[in-house]
Amino acid sequence: MSILPQSLYSRRELLKKSAVGFGNLALLSMLNDEAQAAKSNDPLAPKEPHFTPRAKRVIFLFMKGG
């Protein structure tokens, strides 16, 4: 009969260490998503104007029921 070698970690220790690792992966994923959202290539996002705006005042008319 052969004797099976002892594992390096007990089942409880292995689960603890892997839980911390999966938590770190989740955190990195969330931080990456936030970073990607910050530099979004949305075509409808406001852009810088090509020239300096000259308007001093604006009259905004809201006509309900038009």
C-alpha atoms as a PDB file:
ATOM      1  CA  MET A   1       0.000   0.000   0.000  1.00  0.00           C
ATOM      2  CA  SER A   2       1.132   3.497  -0.758  1.00  0.00           C
ATOM      3  CA  ILE A   3       0.694   6.384   1.614  1.00  0.00           C
ATOM      4  CA  LEU A   4      -0.968   9.446   0.093  1.00  0.00           C
ATOM      5  CA  PRO A   5       0.978  12.660   0.666  1.00  0.00           C
ATOM      6  CA  GLN A   6      -0.540  15.279   2.940  1.00  0.00           C
ATOM      7  CA  SER A   7      -1.891  18.302   1.114  1.00  0.00           C
ATOM      8  CA  LEU A   8      -0.271  21.664   1.742  1.00  0.00           C
ATOM      9  CA  TYR A   9      -3.519  23.245   2.925  1.00  0.00           C
ATOM     10  CA  SER A  10      -6.526  21.912   4.708  1.00  0.00           C
ATOM     11  CA  ARG A  11      -9.857  22.282   2.949  1.00  0.00           C
ATOM     12  CA  ARG A  12     -10.784  25.219   5.186  1.00  0.00           C
ATOM     13  CA  GLU A  13      -7.513  27.054   4.503  1.00  0.00           C
ATOM     14  CA  LEU A  14      -7.840  26.468   0.779  1.00  0.00           C
ATOM     15  CA  LEU A  15     -11.365  27.919   0.737  1.00  0.00           C
ATOM     16  CA  LYS A  16     -10.240  30.963   2.745  1.00  0.00           C
ATOM     17  CA  LYS A  17      -7.363  31.697   0.392  1.00  0.00           C
ATOM     18  CA  SER A  18      -9.420  31.185  -2.747  1.00  0.00           C
ATOM     19  CA  ALA A  19     -12.246  33.403  -1.410  1.00  0.00           C
ATOM     20  CA  VAL A  20      -9.807  36.264  -0.915  1.00  0.00           C
ATOM     21  CA  GLY A  21      -8.470  35.731  -4.422  1.00  0.00           C
ATOM     22  CA  PHE A  22     -11.936  35.765  -5.969  1.00  0.00           C
ATOM     23  CA  GLY A  23     -12.764  38.912  -3.992  1.00  0.00           C
ATOM     24  CA  ASN A  24      -9.691  40.605  -5.422  1.00  0.00           C
ATOM     25  CA  LEU A  25     -10.699  39.575  -8.933  1.00  0.00           C
ATOM     26  CA  ALA A  26     -14.181  41.028  -8.443  1.00  0.00           C
ATOM     27  CA  LEU A  27     -12.747  44.298  -7.126  1.00  0.00           C
ATOM     28  CA  LEU A  28     -10.356  44.615 -10.055  1.00  0.00           C
ATOM     29  CA  SER A  29     -13.179  43.925 -12.475  1.00  0.00           C
ATOM     30  CA  MET A  30     -15.346  46.661 -10.948  1.00  0.00           C
ATOM     31  CA  LEU A  31     -12.490  49.172 -10.986  1.00  0.00           C
ATOM     32  CA  ASN A  32     -11.750  48.335 -14.609  1.00  0.00           C
ATOM     33  CA  ASP A  33     -15.411  48.872 -15.552  1.00  0.00           C
ATOM     34  CA  GLU A  34     -15.353  52.308 -13.901  1.00  0.00           C
ATOM     35  CA  ALA A  35     -12.169  53.238 -15.736  1.00  0.00           C
ATOM     36  CA  GLN A  36     -13.653  52.160 -19.057  1.00  0.00           C
ATOM     37  CA  ALA A  37     -16.829  54.149 -18.375  1.00  0.00           C
ATOM     38  CA  ALA A  38     -14.769  57.256 -17.614  1.00  0.00           C
ATOM     39  CA  LYS A  39     -13.184  57.236 -21.057  1.00  0.00           C
ATOM     40  CA  SER A  40     -16.274  56.230 -22.991  1.00  0.00           C
ATOM     41  CA  ASN A  41     -16.361  56.761 -26.753  1.00  0.00           C
ATOM     42  CA  ASP A  42     -20.007  57.797 -26.745  1.00  0.00           C
ATOM     43  CA  PRO A  43     -20.736  59.650 -30.012  1.00  0.00           C
ATOM     44  CA  LEU A  44     -23.511  61.639 -28.298  1.00  0.00           C
ATOM     45  CA  ALA A  45     -21.311  62.889 -25.477  1.00  0.00           C
ATOM     46  CA  PRO A  46     -20.724  66.670 -25.478  1.00  0.00           C
ATOM     47  CA  LYS A  47     -17.535  67.684 -27.224  1.00  0.00           C
ATOM     48  CA  GLU A  48     -15.342  70.754 -27.001  1.00  0.00           C
ATOM     49  CA  PRO A  49     -16.369  73.478 -29.507  1.00  0.00           C
ATOM     50  CA  HIS A  50     -14.141  74.230 -32.501  1.00  0.00           C
ATOM     51  CA  PHE A  51     -14.384  77.947 -31.829  1.00  0.00           C
ATOM     52  CA  THR A  52     -14.952  80.225 -28.849  1.00  0.00           C
ATOM     53  CA  PRO A  53     -18.681  80.784 -28.233  1.00  0.00           C
ATOM     54  CA  ARG A  54     -19.819  84.388 -28.611  1.00  0.00           C
ATOM     55  CA  ALA A  55     -23.375  84.249 -27.236  1.00  0.00           C
ATOM     56  CA  LYS A  56     -23.882  86.285 -24.077  1.00  0.00           C
ATOM     57  CA  ARG A  57     -27.558  85.518 -23.475  1.00  0.00           C
ATOM     58  CA  VAL A  58     -30.094  82.933 -24.591  1.00  0.00           C
ATOM     59  CA  ILE A  59     -33.890  83.161 -24.664  1.00  0.00           C
ATOM     60  CA  PHE A  60     -35.453  79.770 -24.050  1.00  0.00           C
ATOM     61  CA  LEU A  61     -39.146  79.456 -24.943  1.00  0.00           C
ATOM     62  CA  PHE A  62     -41.093  76.513 -23.570  1.00  0.00           C
ATOM     63  CA  MET A  63     -44.467  76.315 -25.290  1.00  0.00           C
ATOM     64  CA  LYS A  64     -46.580  73.637 -23.700  1.00  0.00           C
ATOM     65  CA  GLY A  65     -49.128  71.966 -25.963  1.00  0.00           C
ATOM     66  CA  GLY A  66     -47.472  73.057 -29.183  1.00  0.00           C
END
